[in-house]
Amino acid sequence: MLKKLLKKFILTQNITNPADVVSKDYILKYSLPFINKFACINIMDKYMPDMHNHNRSFISIILKGGYMEYIRPRGRTTGKPIVKKRTVGSIIYRHHSDFHQVVPFAKTYTLYLYTPLKRKDIDWLVDGKVIPEARHWLKKGYTKEFLREMYNKQGRWNKLT
């Protein structure tokens, strides 16, 4: 009964990696309607191939699993990245302009707390060059129509069914 009731309230959001044709969901997000703009549970077991930043700053607390994180703090686009092993209990603060790449070594669950939007889109860091997200995927051969559909899908929070 409680499980059925919770399903009516829990929201889901899928973050897609268009480069992964086998399984497009990179991160699954779960939240409640009244907090989904500030907090969620992330579940990830795949990684994006390039470093990226975010459109908001966040704190992530690892609840289960873990990952290796490769970090380039604000302004650093070349040289060796800082490498950190993140395990259960790790508390990570990431500024919206820090580039990073997360490589899970197990299915990882995190509590993700984030600030209001700082900018509209994220950027990618490829070969020391900062590339806006849409251009990044267009260069990899994806069409504008495909990207528009993907962004619309992952921008929506849906009821868990």
Protein backbone atom coordinates (compact mmCIF):
# COMPACT_ATOMS: atom_id res chain seq x y z
CA MET A 1 0.00 0.00 0.00
CA LEU A 2 2.77 2.45 0.97
CA LYS A 3 4.79 1.44 -2.09
CA LYS A 4 1.80 2.17 -4.35
CA LEU A 5 1.25 5.54 -2.67
CA LEU A 6 4.91 6.50 -3.00
CA LYS A 7 4.87 5.68 -6.73
CA LYS A 8 2.19 8.35 -7.20
CA PHE A 9 4.53 11.01 -5.78
CA ILE A 10 8.02 10.00 -6.85
CA LEU A 11 9.30 11.78 -9.94
CA THR A 12 11.89 10.37 -12.34
CA GLN A 13 14.19 12.02 -14.84
CA ASN A 14 16.56 10.26 -17.25
CA ILE A 15 19.82 11.91 -18.27
CA THR A 16 20.82 10.57 -21.66
CA ASN A 17 24.20 9.92 -23.22
CA PRO A 18 23.55 9.89 -26.98
CA ALA A 19 26.92 8.19 -27.56
CA ASP A 20 25.70 5.06 -25.75
CA VAL A 21 23.45 3.36 -28.28
CA VAL A 22 22.97 0.22 -26.18
CA SER A 23 21.41 1.89 -23.16
CA LYS A 24 20.79 5.61 -23.42
CA ASP A 25 20.17 6.28 -19.73
CA TYR A 26 23.34 7.55 -18.10
CA ILE A 27 21.84 8.80 -14.85
CA LEU A 28 18.43 8.07 -13.39
CA LYS A 29 17.17 10.76 -11.01
CA TYR A 30 14.47 10.26 -8.39
CA SER A 31 12.86 13.03 -6.40
CA LEU A 32 9.66 14.33 -4.82
CA PRO A 33 7.62 17.10 -6.48
CA PHE A 34 8.29 19.71 -3.82
CA ILE A 35 12.09 19.23 -3.73
CA ASN A 36 12.99 18.21 -7.31
CA LYS A 37 14.44 21.68 -8.03
CA PHE A 38 16.96 21.31 -5.16
CA ALA A 39 17.60 17.64 -4.38
CA CYS A 40 17.36 14.16 -5.84
CA ILE A 41 18.81 10.68 -5.67
CA ASN A 42 21.08 9.89 -8.66
CA ILE A 43 21.75 6.35 -9.82
CA MET A 44 24.57 5.90 -12.32
CA ASP A 45 26.62 3.03 -13.65
CA LYS A 46 27.91 4.45 -16.93
CA TYR A 47 30.14 7.39 -17.75
CA MET A 48 30.34 10.17 -20.29
CA PRO A 49 33.43 9.93 -22.51
CA ASP A 50 34.61 13.55 -22.08
CA MET A 51 34.98 16.03 -19.22
CA HIS A 52 32.08 18.39 -18.65
CA ASN A 53 30.93 21.06 -16.22
CA HIS A 54 27.43 21.76 -14.93
CA ASN A 55 24.89 24.52 -15.18
CA ARG A 56 24.64 24.72 -11.38
CA SER A 57 26.90 24.08 -8.41
CA PHE A 58 26.15 21.00 -6.32
CA ILE A 59 27.00 18.80 -3.36
CA SER A 60 26.94 15.06 -3.91
CA ILE A 61 27.02 12.49 -1.10
CA ILE A 62 27.78 8.90 -2.11
CA LEU A 63 25.28 6.53 -0.50
CA LYS A 64 26.28 3.30 -2.27
CA GLY A 65 28.95 2.34 -4.81
CA GLY A 66 31.65 4.76 -5.87
CA TYR A 67 33.64 6.21 -8.72
CA MET A 68 36.88 7.75 -9.87
CA GLU A 69 36.56 11.47 -10.51
CA TYR A 70 38.89 13.37 -12.82
CA ILE A 71 38.75 17.11 -12.04
CA ARG A 72 39.94 20.31 -13.67
CA PRO A 73 39.13 23.20 -11.32
CA ARG A 74 37.95 26.56 -12.64
CA GLY A 75 40.11 27.91 -15.42
CA ARG A 76 42.32 24.82 -15.88
CA THR A 77 41.79 23.23 -19.28
CA THR A 78 45.15 21.57 -19.85
CA GLY A 79 47.65 19.49 -17.91
CA LYS A 80 46.95 16.45 -15.80
CA PRO A 81 43.58 16.37 -14.06
CA ILE A 82 43.29 15.85 -10.31
CA VAL A 83 42.17 12.26 -9.69
CA LYS A 84 40.08 11.34 -6.64
CA LYS A 85 38.60 8.03 -5.59
CA ARG A 86 35.08 8.60 -4.24
CA THR A 87 33.52 5.94 -2.02
CA VAL A 88 30.51 5.56 0.26
CA GLY A 89 30.26 8.56 2.58
CA SER A 90 32.28 10.89 0.33
CA ILE A 91 30.91 14.43 0.26
CA ILE A 92 31.80 16.26 -2.93
CA TYR A 93 31.29 19.95 -3.70
CA ARG A 94 31.60 20.87 -7.35
CA HIS A 95 31.44 24.47 -8.61
CA HIS A 96 29.38 24.89 -11.78
CA SER A 97 32.45 25.90 -13.81
CA ASP A 98 34.70 23.01 -12.67
CA PHE A 99 35.20 20.39 -15.37
CA HIS A 100 35.05 16.77 -14.28
CA GLN A 101 34.50 13.24 -15.46
CA VAL A 102 33.02 10.53 -13.30
CA VAL A 103 33.83 6.86 -13.98
CA PRO A 104 31.77 4.56 -11.73
CA PHE A 105 33.42 1.35 -10.58
CA ALA A 106 30.06 0.09 -9.32
CA LYS A 107 26.43 1.12 -9.63
CA THR A 108 26.48 4.34 -7.63
CA TYR A 109 23.72 6.03 -5.65
CA THR A 110 24.21 9.64 -4.57
CA LEU A 111 22.20 12.26 -2.76
CA TYR A 112 22.52 15.25 -5.05
CA LEU A 113 21.85 18.74 -3.65
CA TYR A 114 22.06 21.59 -6.12
CA THR A 115 21.85 25.37 -6.35
CA PRO A 116 19.63 27.39 -8.70
CA LEU A 117 20.71 27.52 -12.34
CA LYS A 118 23.84 29.57 -12.99
CA ARG A 119 23.63 29.28 -16.77
CA LYS A 120 21.49 27.59 -19.41
CA ASP A 121 23.82 24.87 -20.69
CA ILE A 122 26.86 22.82 -19.75
CA ASP A 123 30.18 22.80 -21.59
CA TRP A 124 32.46 19.96 -22.60
CA LEU A 125 36.23 19.91 -22.46
CA VAL A 126 37.75 18.02 -25.40
CA ASP A 127 41.48 18.14 -26.17
CA GLY A 128 41.91 21.27 -24.04
CA LYS A 129 39.11 23.14 -25.83
CA VAL A 130 35.84 24.24 -24.23
CA ILE A 131 32.88 23.34 -26.44
CA PRO A 132 29.19 24.19 -25.80
CA GLU A 133 27.09 21.07 -25.27
CA ALA A 134 25.01 21.21 -28.46
CA ARG A 135 28.12 21.75 -30.62
CA HIS A 136 29.85 18.86 -28.83
CA TRP A 137 27.14 16.40 -29.88
CA LEU A 138 26.71 17.92 -33.37
CA LYS A 139 30.46 17.36 -33.98
CA LYS A 140 29.93 13.71 -33.04
CA GLY A 141 27.34 13.41 -35.82
CA TYR A 142 24.00 13.77 -34.04
CA THR A 143 21.27 15.81 -35.73
CA LYS A 144 19.64 18.91 -34.29
CA GLU A 145 16.29 17.09 -34.31
CA PHE A 146 17.70 14.18 -32.31
CA LEU A 147 19.32 16.54 -29.79
CA ARG A 148 16.13 18.60 -29.42
CA GLU A 149 14.13 15.44 -28.70
CA MET A 150 16.78 14.20 -26.23
CA TYR A 151 16.95 17.54 -24.36
CA ASN A 152 13.16 17.77 -24.16
CA LYS A 153 12.95 14.23 -22.79
CA GLN A 154 15.63 14.65 -20.16
CA GLY A 155 14.35 18.08 -19.12
CA ARG A 156 11.04 16.59 -17.96
CA TRP A 157 10.33 15.10 -14.58
CA ASN A 158 7.81 12.24 -14.99
CA LYS A 159 5.70 10.42 -12.43
CA LEU A 160 7.07 7.00 -11.51
CA THR A 161 4.73 4.34 -12.87
